[in-house]
């Protein structure tokens, strides 16, 4: 988990440049972003698995370097 700290900070690097909207948190004591900006496709890197009503998904995690290379190739 600690190895991801520099990467997590990169995700939030431009959060203070008004790139996303903010809203009050649950008890109205602070503001939180409505969405988190992403500098790389988190869904592909982390993967996902779950079952919903009549639907299921299973996206395997992918290598970060390969995802970045493929994204730049697009």
N, C-alpha and C. Protein backbone atom coordinates (compact mmCIF):
# COMPACT_ATOMS: atom_id res chain seq x y z
N UNK A 1 0.82 -1.19 0.00
CA UNK A 1 0.00 0.00 0.00
C UNK A 1 0.86 1.26 0.00
N UNK A 2 1.95 1.25 0.72
CA UNK A 2 2.81 2.42 0.79
C UNK A 2 3.46 2.73 -0.55
N UNK A 3 3.68 1.70 -1.36
CA UNK A 3 4.30 1.92 -2.66
C UNK A 3 3.39 2.70 -3.59
N UNK A 4 2.09 2.70 -3.32
CA UNK A 4 1.14 3.42 -4.16
C UNK A 4 1.01 4.88 -3.79
N UNK A 5 1.59 5.30 -2.68
CA UNK A 5 1.43 6.68 -2.23
C UNK A 5 1.87 7.72 -3.26
N UNK A 6 3.04 7.60 -3.90
CA UNK A 6 3.41 8.60 -4.91
C UNK A 6 2.43 8.63 -6.09
N UNK A 7 1.95 7.46 -6.49
CA UNK A 7 0.99 7.39 -7.59
C UNK A 7 -0.35 8.01 -7.19
N UNK A 8 -0.78 7.77 -5.97
CA UNK A 8 -2.02 8.36 -5.48
C UNK A 8 -1.92 9.88 -5.44
N UNK A 9 -0.78 10.40 -5.07
CA UNK A 9 -0.58 11.85 -5.05
C UNK A 9 -0.64 12.42 -6.46
N UNK A 10 -0.15 11.68 -7.44
CA UNK A 10 -0.23 12.13 -8.84
C UNK A 10 -1.69 12.25 -9.29
N UNK A 11 -2.54 11.35 -8.81
CA UNK A 11 -3.96 11.40 -9.19
C UNK A 11 -4.62 12.68 -8.69
N UNK A 12 -4.18 13.16 -7.55
CA UNK A 12 -4.79 14.35 -6.95
C UNK A 12 -3.99 15.62 -7.21
N UNK A 13 -3.03 15.55 -8.10
CA UNK A 13 -2.12 16.66 -8.35
C UNK A 13 -2.84 17.94 -8.75
N UNK A 14 -3.82 17.87 -9.62
CA UNK A 14 -4.49 19.08 -10.12
C UNK A 14 -5.86 19.29 -9.49
N UNK A 15 -6.10 18.71 -8.33
CA UNK A 15 -7.42 18.82 -7.70
C UNK A 15 -7.73 20.26 -7.28
N UNK A 16 -6.70 21.06 -7.00
CA UNK A 16 -6.92 22.44 -6.55
C UNK A 16 -6.99 23.44 -7.70
N UNK A 17 -6.99 22.99 -8.92
CA UNK A 17 -7.03 23.89 -10.08
C UNK A 17 -8.43 24.02 -10.67
N UNK A 18 -9.45 23.78 -9.85
CA UNK A 18 -10.85 23.88 -10.26
C UNK A 18 -11.17 23.00 -11.46
N UNK A 19 -10.60 21.80 -11.47
CA UNK A 19 -10.87 20.86 -12.55
C UNK A 19 -12.13 20.04 -12.29
N UNK A 20 -12.54 19.94 -11.04
CA UNK A 20 -13.76 19.20 -10.69
C UNK A 20 -14.59 20.04 -9.73
N UNK A 21 -15.87 19.71 -9.65
CA UNK A 21 -16.77 20.39 -8.72
C UNK A 21 -16.64 19.77 -7.33
N UNK A 22 -16.90 20.58 -6.31
CA UNK A 22 -16.88 20.12 -4.93
C UNK A 22 -18.27 20.23 -4.34
N UNK A 23 -18.55 19.39 -3.34
CA UNK A 23 -19.82 19.41 -2.64
C UNK A 23 -19.56 19.19 -1.16
N UNK A 24 -20.51 19.56 -0.30
CA UNK A 24 -20.31 19.33 1.14
C UNK A 24 -20.28 17.84 1.45
N UNK A 25 -19.53 17.48 2.50
CA UNK A 25 -19.52 16.08 2.91
C UNK A 25 -20.79 15.78 3.71
N UNK A 26 -20.87 14.59 4.29
CA UNK A 26 -22.10 14.13 4.93
C UNK A 26 -22.59 15.00 6.07
N UNK A 27 -21.67 15.62 6.82
CA UNK A 27 -22.11 16.46 7.94
C UNK A 27 -21.82 17.94 7.72
N UNK A 28 -21.52 18.29 6.47
CA UNK A 28 -21.36 19.69 6.06
C UNK A 28 -20.19 20.39 6.76
N UNK A 29 -19.16 19.64 7.14
CA UNK A 29 -18.01 20.26 7.80
C UNK A 29 -16.87 20.56 6.84
N UNK A 30 -16.86 19.95 5.68
CA UNK A 30 -15.80 20.18 4.70
C UNK A 30 -16.33 19.92 3.30
N UNK A 31 -15.54 20.28 2.32
CA UNK A 31 -15.91 20.05 0.93
C UNK A 31 -15.16 18.83 0.40
N UNK A 32 -15.83 18.07 -0.45
CA UNK A 32 -15.19 16.92 -1.08
C UNK A 32 -15.46 16.96 -2.58
N UNK A 33 -14.55 16.41 -3.39
CA UNK A 33 -14.77 16.42 -4.83
C UNK A 33 -15.92 15.49 -5.22
N UNK A 34 -16.68 15.88 -6.23
CA UNK A 34 -17.77 15.02 -6.71
C UNK A 34 -17.22 13.83 -7.46
N UNK A 35 -16.12 14.00 -8.15
CA UNK A 35 -15.41 12.90 -8.82
C UNK A 35 -13.92 13.12 -8.62
N UNK A 36 -13.15 12.07 -8.76
CA UNK A 36 -11.70 12.21 -8.67
C UNK A 36 -11.11 12.22 -10.07
N UNK A 37 -10.31 13.23 -10.39
CA UNK A 37 -9.69 13.25 -11.71
C UNK A 37 -8.69 12.10 -11.84
N UNK A 38 -8.56 11.59 -13.03
CA UNK A 38 -7.65 10.46 -13.23
C UNK A 38 -6.66 10.78 -14.34
N UNK A 39 -5.39 10.54 -14.06
CA UNK A 39 -4.36 10.75 -15.06
C UNK A 39 -4.07 9.47 -15.82
N UNK A 40 -4.65 8.37 -15.39
CA UNK A 40 -4.55 7.10 -16.11
C UNK A 40 -5.84 6.32 -15.84
N UNK A 41 -6.19 5.36 -16.70
CA UNK A 41 -7.46 4.62 -16.53
C UNK A 41 -7.41 3.64 -15.35
N UNK A 42 -7.90 4.09 -14.21
CA UNK A 42 -7.88 3.29 -12.99
C UNK A 42 -8.61 1.96 -13.15
N UNK A 43 -9.71 1.97 -13.87
CA UNK A 43 -10.50 0.74 -14.02
C UNK A 43 -9.68 -0.36 -14.67
N UNK A 44 -8.90 -0.01 -15.67
CA UNK A 44 -8.08 -1.03 -16.34
C UNK A 44 -6.92 -1.48 -15.47
N UNK A 45 -6.32 -0.56 -14.74
CA UNK A 45 -5.16 -0.91 -13.91
C UNK A 45 -5.59 -1.75 -12.70
N UNK A 46 -6.65 -1.34 -12.02
CA UNK A 46 -7.09 -2.04 -10.81
C UNK A 46 -8.00 -3.22 -11.10
N UNK A 47 -8.73 -3.17 -12.21
CA UNK A 47 -9.69 -4.22 -12.51
C UNK A 47 -10.95 -4.06 -11.67
N UNK A 48 -11.91 -4.92 -11.93
CA UNK A 48 -13.16 -4.86 -11.20
C UNK A 48 -13.88 -6.19 -11.33
N UNK A 49 -14.65 -6.52 -10.32
CA UNK A 49 -15.44 -7.75 -10.36
C UNK A 49 -16.67 -7.53 -9.52
N UNK A 50 -17.83 -7.93 -10.04
CA UNK A 50 -19.03 -7.78 -9.26
C UNK A 50 -20.25 -8.30 -9.98
N UNK A 51 -21.32 -8.44 -9.23
CA UNK A 51 -22.58 -8.91 -9.76
C UNK A 51 -23.65 -7.90 -9.37
N UNK A 52 -24.44 -7.49 -10.35
CA UNK A 52 -25.57 -6.60 -10.09
C UNK A 52 -26.84 -7.33 -10.50
N UNK A 53 -27.93 -6.63 -10.60
CA UNK A 53 -29.20 -7.23 -10.96
C UNK A 53 -29.14 -7.71 -12.40
N UNK A 54 -28.99 -9.00 -12.59
CA UNK A 54 -28.99 -9.57 -13.93
C UNK A 54 -27.74 -9.33 -14.73
N UNK A 55 -26.72 -8.72 -14.15
CA UNK A 55 -25.49 -8.43 -14.89
C UNK A 55 -24.29 -8.79 -14.01
N UNK A 56 -23.22 -9.14 -14.67
CA UNK A 56 -21.97 -9.42 -13.96
C UNK A 56 -20.82 -8.84 -14.76
N UNK A 57 -19.75 -8.50 -14.06
CA UNK A 57 -18.56 -7.99 -14.73
C UNK A 57 -17.32 -8.61 -14.11
N UNK A 58 -16.33 -8.79 -14.92
CA UNK A 58 -15.03 -9.26 -14.42
C UNK A 58 -13.97 -8.67 -15.34
N UNK A 59 -13.36 -7.59 -14.89
CA UNK A 59 -12.29 -6.93 -15.64
C UNK A 59 -11.00 -7.21 -14.89
N UNK A 60 -10.08 -7.95 -15.50
CA UNK A 60 -8.84 -8.27 -14.80
C UNK A 60 -7.94 -7.05 -14.67
N UNK A 61 -7.10 -6.99 -13.64
CA UNK A 61 -6.15 -5.89 -13.54
C UNK A 61 -5.08 -6.01 -14.61
N UNK A 62 -4.56 -4.87 -15.05
CA UNK A 62 -3.54 -4.84 -16.09
C UNK A 62 -2.30 -4.11 -15.59
N UNK A 63 -1.19 -4.36 -16.23
CA UNK A 63 0.08 -3.72 -15.90
C UNK A 63 0.00 -2.23 -16.21
N UNK A 64 0.37 -1.39 -15.25
CA UNK A 64 0.27 0.06 -15.41
C UNK A 64 1.08 0.55 -16.62
N UNK A 65 2.30 0.08 -16.77
CA UNK A 65 3.14 0.54 -17.89
C UNK A 65 2.52 0.17 -19.23
N UNK A 66 1.95 -1.03 -19.32
CA UNK A 66 1.31 -1.45 -20.57
C UNK A 66 0.07 -0.63 -20.87
N UNK A 67 -0.70 -0.30 -19.84
CA UNK A 67 -1.90 0.52 -20.04
C UNK A 67 -1.51 1.92 -20.52
N UNK A 68 -0.49 2.51 -19.92
CA UNK A 68 -0.04 3.84 -20.34
C UNK A 68 0.47 3.80 -21.77
N UNK A 69 1.26 2.79 -22.12
CA UNK A 69 1.76 2.66 -23.50
C UNK A 69 0.62 2.53 -24.49
N UNK A 70 -0.37 1.71 -24.16
CA UNK A 70 -1.51 1.51 -25.06
C UNK A 70 -2.34 2.79 -25.19
N UNK A 71 -2.49 3.52 -24.09
CA UNK A 71 -3.24 4.78 -24.12
C UNK A 71 -2.54 5.81 -25.00
N UNK A 72 -1.23 5.88 -24.90
CA UNK A 72 -0.48 6.81 -25.75
C UNK A 72 -0.53 6.40 -27.21
N UNK A 73 -0.64 5.11 -27.46
CA UNK A 73 -0.71 4.62 -28.83
C UNK A 73 -2.02 5.02 -29.50
N UNK A 74 -3.09 5.18 -28.70
CA UNK A 74 -4.39 5.57 -29.26
C UNK A 74 -4.28 6.93 -29.88
